[in-house]
Amino acid sequence: MTFRATPEPPSPRRPRWRHELVAWWSRRQDHAPPDTSPSPAADAHTAHAAGAPETTDPEATTLWRMRATVRDEPGTLAALCAALAGHRVDILALQTHPLTDGTVDEFLLRAPEALPSTELSDAVAAAGGSDTWVERADAHDLVDAPTRALTLATRTALDAAELPLALRQLFGRCTIHSVPAKSFSGRSLESTPPAEGVLEETVMRLRDPSGGAIIIERPYLPFTPTEFARARALVELDARLGPRIPHDGDVLTLPEGNAITVRRADVGDLAAAREMHARCSPATLGLRYHGSVGDADRYLAHLLSPRFGRTLAAYTASGRLVALGHLLWDGDEAEVALIVEDEWQRRGVGGELLRRLVAMAAETGYGCVYAVTQSANTGMVTAMRSLELPLDYQIEQGTLVISARLDPAPAPVPPLPHSR
């Protein structure tokens, strides 16, 4: 099924009975009949008299994210909840995604560790669910959906480079492609989607406010119209706010005593970057761009765009740009690249930029960064080794790819809700 433009909002009556049913189910699980249950004192006395232990170790559990399509009829959600309860599965959160011919229910579940995902799927299918998808969840998923959306919107509002990352975190495992409006040679690309965007099952195409297109792919799970509307809302927020990046910088003193300022850079630094290129030797430009020295300037607008990643610039006290470091989004990995003006090489500038770029990658959840260089580029090889991270080396046709495995910054773990 192909959806174009934003679908009509669901009727306010449709989700209400589903939420009332979940509330009823929670009350049913949380409260026993008032008159027939023995008092806590009686329970304790009976257990002590029988020689039973007074405390029991909690059962080991696992968090799961699950989606299932159900008929939009009274009783369907109740049957699904009853099937899960029969396997001692606790429903921590529920979101509904209305469709034209049903509803996609998305659950956050806490299940016994010994319960395999196949039994979860079988239980849902027996209760009338279809197209069931189950995936392990983690602490990030314990944040409720409105809080997650507001946090991502705030990050996007503060930094244009956050939009691709926010979309990736909003939809879980997916691939984000930012396609420029023009190629490096200046030829217009015919990939810009209409203003309202396009939704085609597992692919969303949205118009990038900075030009070109943002393509989101998730082959293993189709997008719903609700998710399409959420993506459009983030993109529209980015469009209204216009170009922006944080410009706060850090003043650093190099071992030899010179002071440099390291800050974020964007297309506003394009002129200074071209002037730095003019001062660099052909050898330095060739090691950085792996091609014709005359083409080096063509890449700068792309590299400095916050849509494709983040760039750090090193400026001297006199305002001269002497180094650039790029962190470029590439699916589940990120590429790092450096160029340092010849006169400022071997002073620790490149290493400082690289450490900051790698820290940014870890903070945004990336597990690996890689650098594409040449074996003759001893400066880049030394800088990667100085990270003191596990490194992998691959050499193919004279090109050296160095990959560093990261430990992403851990997310705060909120307390788990009590079992129902």
Protein backbone atom coordinates (compact mmCIF):
# COMPACT_ATOMS: atom_id res chain seq x y z
CA MET A 1 0.00 0.00 0.00
CA THR A 2 1.30 3.46 -0.90
CA PHE A 3 0.37 6.51 1.12
CA ARG A 4 0.94 9.99 -0.25
CA ALA A 5 0.61 13.11 1.85
CA THR A 6 -0.43 13.06 5.48
CA PRO A 7 -3.38 10.71 6.14
CA GLU A 8 -6.55 11.95 7.74
CA PRO A 9 -6.29 11.95 11.56
CA PRO A 10 -8.05 9.05 13.21
CA SER A 11 -11.48 9.51 14.64
CA PRO A 12 -11.38 10.53 18.32
CA ARG A 13 -13.77 7.67 19.09
CA ARG A 14 -11.52 4.97 17.73
CA PRO A 15 -8.59 5.04 20.16
CA ARG A 16 -10.70 5.95 23.20
CA TRP A 17 -12.18 2.50 23.77
CA ARG A 18 -8.73 0.95 23.33
CA HIS A 19 -7.22 3.14 26.06
CA GLU A 20 -10.24 2.56 28.32
CA LEU A 21 -9.81 -1.15 27.79
CA VAL A 22 -6.12 -1.02 28.69
CA ALA A 23 -6.98 0.97 31.82
CA TRP A 24 -9.63 -1.60 32.74
CA TRP A 25 -7.16 -4.41 32.15
CA SER A 26 -4.58 -2.71 34.38
CA ARG A 27 -7.11 -2.31 37.20
CA ARG A 28 -8.10 -5.93 36.80
CA GLN A 29 -4.49 -7.02 37.15
CA ASP A 30 -3.63 -4.65 39.99
CA HIS A 31 -6.56 -5.30 42.37
CA ALA A 32 -7.86 -8.49 43.88
CA PRO A 33 -11.49 -8.87 45.10
CA PRO A 34 -11.82 -6.80 48.29
CA ASP A 35 -13.55 -9.29 50.56
CA THR A 36 -12.10 -12.69 49.72
CA SER A 37 -8.34 -12.05 49.90
CA PRO A 38 -6.61 -12.85 53.19
CA SER A 39 -4.89 -10.00 54.97
CA PRO A 40 -1.11 -9.54 54.66
CA ALA A 41 -0.71 -10.52 58.30
CA ALA A 42 -2.59 -13.76 57.69
CA ASP A 43 -0.45 -14.48 54.61
CA ALA A 44 2.75 -13.93 56.60
CA HIS A 45 1.52 -16.12 59.46
CA THR A 46 0.54 -18.95 57.12
CA ALA A 47 3.84 -18.80 55.23
CA HIS A 48 5.85 -18.78 58.47
CA ALA A 49 3.86 -21.67 59.90
CA ALA A 50 4.43 -23.73 56.74
CA GLY A 51 8.16 -23.08 56.83
CA ALA A 52 8.09 -21.24 53.47
CA PRO A 53 10.67 -18.53 52.87
CA GLU A 54 9.44 -15.03 53.62
CA THR A 55 10.98 -13.55 50.48
CA THR A 56 11.33 -14.84 46.94
CA ASP A 57 13.96 -13.75 44.46
CA PRO A 58 12.36 -11.84 41.56
CA GLU A 59 12.05 -13.71 38.28
CA ALA A 60 14.57 -12.77 35.62
CA THR A 61 12.87 -10.84 32.84
CA THR A 62 13.57 -9.49 29.35
CA LEU A 63 12.28 -6.36 27.61
CA TRP A 64 10.70 -6.77 24.19
CA ARG A 65 9.23 -4.42 21.61
CA MET A 66 6.35 -6.01 19.72
CA ARG A 67 4.05 -4.91 16.92
CA ALA A 68 0.94 -6.66 15.71
CA THR A 69 -1.89 -5.76 13.36
CA VAL A 70 -5.36 -6.39 14.78
CA ARG A 71 -8.91 -5.76 13.67
CA ASP A 72 -10.28 -2.46 14.92
CA GLU A 73 -13.17 -4.05 16.79
CA PRO A 74 -14.15 -4.22 20.46
CA GLY A 75 -12.63 -7.23 22.17
CA THR A 76 -9.60 -7.72 19.91
CA LEU A 77 -7.18 -5.92 22.22
CA ALA A 78 -8.67 -7.68 25.26
CA ALA A 79 -8.02 -11.06 23.65
CA LEU A 80 -4.45 -10.10 22.88
CA CYS A 81 -3.84 -8.83 26.44
CA ALA A 82 -5.30 -12.03 27.88
CA ALA A 83 -3.01 -14.13 25.68
CA LEU A 84 0.04 -12.22 26.91
CA ALA A 85 -1.07 -12.42 30.54
CA GLY A 86 -1.34 -16.18 30.13
CA HIS A 87 2.42 -16.24 29.55
CA ARG A 88 3.13 -13.92 32.54
CA VAL A 89 3.96 -11.02 30.20
CA ASP A 90 3.61 -7.50 31.58
CA ILE A 91 2.53 -4.66 29.24
CA LEU A 92 4.61 -1.60 30.13
CA ALA A 93 3.46 0.69 27.30
CA LEU A 94 1.11 0.66 24.32
CA GLN A 95 0.86 2.84 21.22
CA THR A 96 -1.77 2.53 18.51
CA HIS A 97 -1.22 3.28 14.82
CA PRO A 98 -4.60 3.46 13.03
CA LEU A 99 -4.79 2.09 9.48
CA THR A 100 -7.62 2.18 6.98
CA ASP A 101 -8.41 -1.50 7.56
CA GLY A 102 -7.23 -2.13 11.12
CA THR A 103 -4.80 -0.98 13.78
CA VAL A 104 -1.11 -1.61 14.41
CA ASP A 105 -0.56 -1.99 18.15
CA GLU A 106 2.98 -1.41 19.42
CA PHE A 107 3.83 -2.83 22.85
CA LEU A 108 6.71 -2.56 25.25
CA LEU A 109 6.70 -5.84 27.14
CA ARG A 110 8.47 -7.33 30.12
CA ALA A 111 8.47 -11.10 29.81
CA PRO A 112 10.09 -13.99 31.68
CA GLU A 113 13.62 -14.48 30.46
CA ALA A 114 12.92 -18.10 29.65
CA LEU A 115 10.06 -17.19 27.28
CA PRO A 116 11.32 -17.20 23.66
CA SER A 117 10.14 -14.61 21.16
CA THR A 118 8.54 -17.32 19.03
CA GLU A 119 6.08 -18.11 21.83
CA LEU A 120 5.16 -14.43 22.06
CA SER A 121 4.42 -14.38 18.33
CA ASP A 122 2.43 -17.62 18.54
CA ALA A 123 0.36 -16.29 21.44
CA VAL A 124 -0.48 -13.10 19.54
CA ALA A 125 -1.39 -15.05 16.41
CA ALA A 126 -3.68 -17.33 18.42
CA ALA A 127 -5.41 -14.23 19.81
CA GLY A 128 -6.14 -12.88 16.34
CA GLY A 129 -3.08 -10.72 15.68
CA SER A 130 -1.20 -10.78 12.38
CA ASP A 131 2.05 -9.45 10.89
CA THR A 132 3.67 -9.78 14.31
CA TRP A 133 7.17 -8.39 14.77
CA VAL A 134 9.24 -8.86 17.95
CA GLU A 135 12.59 -7.29 18.83
CA ARG A 136 14.67 -7.00 22.00
CA ALA A 137 14.22 -3.65 23.76
CA ASP A 138 16.59 -1.78 26.06
CA ALA A 139 16.57 1.03 28.62
CA HIS A 140 16.02 3.67 25.93
CA ASP A 141 12.58 2.20 25.20
CA LEU A 142 11.41 2.75 28.78
CA VAL A 143 10.99 6.46 28.02
CA ASP A 144 7.38 7.12 27.07
CA ALA A 145 6.63 8.21 23.49
CA PRO A 146 5.66 11.87 24.18
CA THR A 147 8.82 12.43 26.24
CA ARG A 148 10.96 10.85 23.53
CA ALA A 149 9.36 13.00 20.82
CA LEU A 150 9.83 16.22 22.81
CA THR A 151 13.47 15.38 23.55
CA LEU A 152 14.21 14.73 19.88
CA ALA A 153 12.40 17.92 18.87
CA THR A 154 14.49 19.91 21.36
CA ARG A 155 17.73 18.44 20.03
CA THR A 156 16.66 19.20 16.46
CA ALA A 157 15.76 22.78 17.39
CA LEU A 158 19.22 23.39 18.87
CA ASP A 159 21.27 21.82 16.08
CA ALA A 160 20.40 21.19 12.42
CA ALA A 161 22.85 18.26 12.36
CA GLU A 162 20.57 16.42 14.79
CA LEU A 163 17.71 15.92 12.31
CA PRO A 164 19.02 12.68 10.72
CA LEU A 165 19.97 11.35 14.15
CA ALA A 166 16.58 12.26 15.61
CA LEU A 167 14.80 10.43 12.78
CA ARG A 168 17.02 7.40 13.29
CA GLN A 169 16.32 7.29 17.03
CA LEU A 170 12.61 7.87 16.48
CA PHE A 171 12.24 4.78 14.31
CA GLY A 172 14.88 2.45 15.72
CA ARG A 173 16.99 0.44 13.30
CA CYS A 174 16.69 2.27 10.01
CA THR A 175 18.92 3.84 7.38
CA ILE A 176 18.89 7.58 6.71
CA HIS A 177 20.12 8.89 3.36
CA SER A 178 20.58 12.62 2.79
CA VAL A 179 20.58 13.25 -0.95
CA PRO A 180 21.78 16.68 -2.10
CA ALA A 181 19.80 18.69 -4.66
CA LYS A 182 22.84 18.84 -6.93
CA SER A 183 25.81 16.61 -7.62
CA PHE A 184 29.38 17.71 -6.99
CA SER A 185 29.61 18.69 -10.64
CA GLY A 186 26.59 21.00 -10.27
CA ARG A 187 24.10 18.76 -12.12
CA SER A 188 20.58 18.82 -10.67
CA LEU A 189 19.39 15.50 -9.25
CA GLU A 190 15.85 14.35 -9.99
CA SER A 191 15.27 12.84 -6.55
CA THR A 192 13.56 15.69 -4.70
CA PRO A 193 10.19 14.46 -3.43
CA PRO A 194 7.03 16.60 -3.40
CA ALA A 195 6.51 19.02 -0.51
CA GLU A 196 4.08 16.66 1.24
CA GLY A 197 6.51 13.75 1.07
CA VAL A 198 5.97 10.16 -0.03
CA LEU A 199 5.35 7.00 2.02
CA GLU A 200 5.84 3.68 0.26
CA GLU A 201 5.65 0.76 2.70
CA THR A 202 9.23 0.53 4.05
CA VAL A 203 10.52 3.80 2.55
CA MET A 204 9.78 7.43 3.41
CA ARG A 205 10.92 10.26 1.16
CA LEU A 206 10.82 13.77 2.60
CA ARG A 207 11.94 17.08 1.18
CA ASP A 208 15.04 18.34 2.95
CA PRO A 209 14.59 21.99 4.03
CA SER A 210 18.23 22.63 3.14
CA GLY A 211 17.74 21.21 -0.35
CA GLY A 212 17.55 17.70 -1.74
CA ALA A 213 15.81 14.82 -0.01
CA ILE A 214 15.86 12.77 3.18
CA ILE A 215 15.19 9.08 2.54
CA ILE A 216 14.38 6.78 5.46
CA GLU A 217 14.45 3.01 4.88
CA ARG A 218 13.45 0.20 7.23
CA PRO A 219 13.17 -2.97 5.15
CA TYR A 220 12.22 -5.25 8.02
CA LEU A 221 9.14 -3.31 9.17
CA PRO A 222 6.74 -1.12 7.13
CA PHE A 223 6.18 2.44 8.30
CA THR A 224 2.70 3.45 9.43
CA PRO A 225 0.91 6.71 8.53
CA THR A 226 1.38 7.76 12.18
CA GLU A 227 5.16 7.39 11.87
CA PHE A 228 5.08 9.27 8.57
CA ALA A 229 3.28 12.16 10.28
CA ARG A 230 5.89 12.19 13.09
CA ALA A 231 8.75 12.33 10.60
CA ARG A 232 7.10 15.18 8.71
CA ALA A 233 6.63 17.11 11.96
CA LEU A 234 10.37 16.95 12.74
CA VAL A 235 11.29 17.99 9.20
CA GLU A 236 8.83 20.89 9.29
CA LEU A 237 10.32 22.04 12.62
CA ASP A 238 13.77 22.04 11.02
CA ALA A 239 12.45 24.03 8.05
CA ARG A 240 10.87 26.70 10.23
CA LEU A 241 14.01 27.24 12.32
CA GLY A 242 16.39 27.50 9.36
CA PRO A 243 20.19 26.90 9.41
CA ARG A 244 21.66 26.72 12.92
CA ILE A 245 24.48 25.05 14.83
CA PRO A 246 25.95 25.70 18.28
CA HIS A 247 28.91 28.06 17.89
CA ASP A 248 30.35 27.78 21.38
CA GLY A 249 34.06 27.05 21.17
CA ASP A 250 36.86 25.86 23.42
CA VAL A 251 40.18 27.69 23.57
CA LEU A 252 43.04 25.19 23.81
CA THR A 253 46.75 25.76 24.41
CA LEU A 254 48.99 23.49 22.37
CA PRO A 255 52.15 21.99 23.92
CA GLU A 256 54.27 24.63 22.15
CA GLY A 257 52.20 27.44 23.66
CA ASN A 258 50.00 28.46 20.72
CA ALA A 259 46.28 28.91 21.43
CA ILE A 260 43.58 27.63 19.06
CA THR A 261 39.80 27.75 19.24
CA VAL A 262 37.89 24.57 18.37
CA ARG A 263 34.23 25.05 17.45
CA ARG A 264 31.52 23.65 15.21
CA ALA A 265 31.60 24.74 11.58
CA ASP A 266 29.07 24.88 8.76
CA VAL A 267 28.69 26.40 5.29
CA GLY A 268 29.36 29.82 6.85
CA ASP A 269 32.99 28.69 7.10
CA LEU A 270 33.17 27.84 3.39
CA ALA A 271 35.29 30.86 2.39
CA ALA A 272 37.80 30.26 5.20
CA ALA A 273 38.00 26.56 4.27
CA ARG A 274 38.79 27.40 0.64
CA GLU A 275 41.52 29.79 1.76
CA MET A 276 42.99 26.99 3.89
CA HIS A 277 42.92 24.67 0.86
CA ALA A 278 44.90 27.28 -1.09
CA ARG A 279 47.61 27.22 1.59
CA CYS A 280 47.80 23.40 1.70
CA SER A 281 50.31 21.50 -0.41
CA PRO A 282 49.13 19.16 -3.20
CA ALA A 283 50.39 16.23 -1.10
CA THR A 284 48.20 17.21 1.87
CA LEU A 285 45.14 17.68 -0.33
CA GLY A 286 45.80 14.39 -2.12
CA LEU A 287 46.04 12.43 1.14
CA ARG A 288 42.75 13.93 2.35
CA TYR A 289 40.57 13.77 -0.77
CA HIS A 290 42.07 10.73 -2.58
CA GLY A 291 41.62 12.31 -5.99
CA SER A 292 42.31 15.30 -8.17
CA VAL A 293 43.58 18.25 -6.14
CA GLY A 294 41.52 20.55 -8.33
CA ASP A 295 38.30 18.84 -7.15
CA ALA A 296 38.99 19.38 -3.44
CA ASP A 297 36.97 22.61 -3.19
CA ARG A 298 33.92 20.93 -4.71
CA TYR A 299 33.49 18.68 -1.69
CA LEU A 300 33.59 21.45 0.87
CA ALA A 301 29.95 22.58 0.66
CA HIS A 302 28.83 18.97 1.09
CA LEU A 303 31.23 18.28 3.97
CA LEU A 304 30.30 21.48 5.82
CA SER A 305 26.55 20.88 5.56
CA PRO A 306 25.16 19.85 8.97
CA ARG A 307 22.76 17.51 7.18
CA PHE A 308 25.52 15.03 6.38
CA GLY A 309 27.31 15.11 9.74
CA ARG A 310 29.23 17.41 12.03
CA THR A 311 32.34 19.44 11.36
CA LEU A 312 34.86 20.85 13.82
CA ALA A 313 37.13 23.75 12.88
CA ALA A 314 40.37 24.90 14.51
CA TYR A 315 41.02 28.66 14.33
CA THR A 316 44.10 30.54 15.47
CA ALA A 317 43.93 33.60 17.71
CA SER A 318 44.17 35.77 14.59
CA GLY A 319 41.09 34.10 13.05
CA ARG A 320 42.88 31.84 10.55
CA LEU A 321 41.34 28.42 9.87
CA VAL A 322 44.09 25.79 10.09
CA ALA A 323 42.26 22.44 10.40
CA LEU A 324 38.93 20.75 9.75
CA GLY A 325 37.60 17.50 11.16
CA HIS A 326 34.48 15.82 9.78
CA LEU A 327 32.14 13.23 11.32
CA LEU A 328 29.93 11.93 8.49
CA TRP A 329 26.82 9.78 9.07
CA ASP A 330 26.96 6.44 7.22
CA GLY A 331 24.19 4.09 8.31
CA ASP A 332 25.15 2.27 11.51
CA GLU A 333 28.70 3.64 11.30
CA ALA A 334 30.27 7.07 10.96
CA GLU A 335 33.28 8.19 8.94
CA VAL A 336 35.93 10.50 10.40
CA ALA A 337 38.21 12.64 8.23
CA LEU A 338 40.84 15.28 8.96
CA ILE A 339 42.80 17.90 7.09
CA VAL A 340 45.42 20.07 8.79
CA GLU A 341 47.27 22.87 7.07
CA ASP A 342 50.91 21.90 6.44
CA GLU A 343 52.35 24.53 8.76
CA TRP A 344 50.21 23.24 11.66
CA GLN A 345 50.78 19.52 11.25
CA ARG A 346 52.41 17.45 14.03
CA ARG A 347 51.34 19.92 16.70
CA GLY A 348 48.48 17.86 18.13
CA VAL A 349 45.70 19.74 16.32
CA GLY A 350 44.48 16.76 14.29
CA GLY A 351 44.55 14.43 17.29
CA GLU A 352 42.48 16.88 19.35
CA LEU A 353 39.86 17.16 16.60
CA LEU A 354 39.74 13.38 16.17
CA ARG A 355 39.19 12.72 19.89
CA ARG A 356 36.30 15.18 19.93
CA LEU A 357 34.73 13.68 16.80
CA VAL A 358 34.91 10.17 18.25
CA ALA A 359 33.33 11.41 21.50
CA MET A 360 30.47 12.92 19.45
CA ALA A 361 29.95 9.59 17.67
CA ALA A 362 29.77 7.73 20.98
CA GLU A 363 27.31 10.24 22.43
CA THR A 364 24.97 9.78 19.47
CA GLY A 365 24.98 6.00 19.83
CA TYR A 366 27.36 4.91 17.07
CA GLY A 367 29.33 1.76 17.79
CA CYS A 368 32.02 2.21 15.15
CA VAL A 369 33.86 4.98 13.33
CA TYR A 370 36.20 4.49 10.40
CA ALA A 371 38.76 6.53 8.47
CA VAL A 372 39.53 6.05 4.78
CA THR A 373 43.11 7.05 4.03
CA GLN A 374 46.36 5.79 2.55
CA SER A 375 49.09 3.81 4.23
CA ALA A 376 51.43 6.74 3.51
CA ASN A 377 49.28 9.03 5.67
CA THR A 378 51.25 8.40 8.86
CA GLY A 379 49.61 11.35 10.61
CA MET A 380 46.11 9.85 10.34
CA VAL A 381 47.34 6.37 11.28
CA THR A 382 49.08 7.78 14.37
CA ALA A 383 46.01 9.79 15.36
CA MET A 384 43.75 6.72 15.15
CA ARG A 385 46.19 4.68 17.24
CA SER A 386 46.31 7.43 19.87
CA LEU A 387 42.59 6.86 20.55
CA GLU A 388 43.56 3.65 22.42
CA LEU A 389 40.50 1.87 21.04
CA PRO A 390 40.25 -1.56 19.38
CA LEU A 391 41.23 -1.01 15.72
CA ASP A 392 40.70 -3.05 12.57
CA TYR A 393 42.77 -2.48 9.42
CA GLN A 394 41.76 -3.29 5.85
CA ILE A 395 43.88 -2.54 2.78
CA GLU A 396 42.40 -2.72 -0.69
CA GLN A 397 44.08 -1.39 -3.85
CA GLY A 398 46.28 0.96 -1.86
CA THR A 399 43.42 2.36 0.25
CA LEU A 400 43.61 1.85 4.00
CA VAL A 401 40.41 1.68 6.07
CA ILE A 402 40.92 1.91 9.85
CA SER A 403 37.87 1.10 11.98
CA ALA A 404 37.60 1.87 15.69
CA ARG A 405 35.02 0.13 17.87
CA LEU A 406 33.38 2.41 20.41
CA ASP A 407 31.51 1.99 23.64
CA PRO A 408 28.47 4.27 23.18
CA ALA A 409 27.64 6.45 26.16
CA PRO A 410 25.19 4.50 28.35
CA ALA A 411 21.67 5.80 28.70
CA PRO A 412 20.25 6.49 32.16
CA VAL A 413 18.19 3.52 33.27
CA PRO A 414 14.83 4.56 34.75
CA PRO A 415 13.24 2.23 37.31
CA LEU A 416 11.05 -0.48 35.88
CA PRO A 417 7.34 -0.24 36.61
CA HIS A 418 5.95 -2.74 39.09
CA SER A 419 4.49 -5.89 37.61
CA ARG A 420 0.77 -5.99 37.29
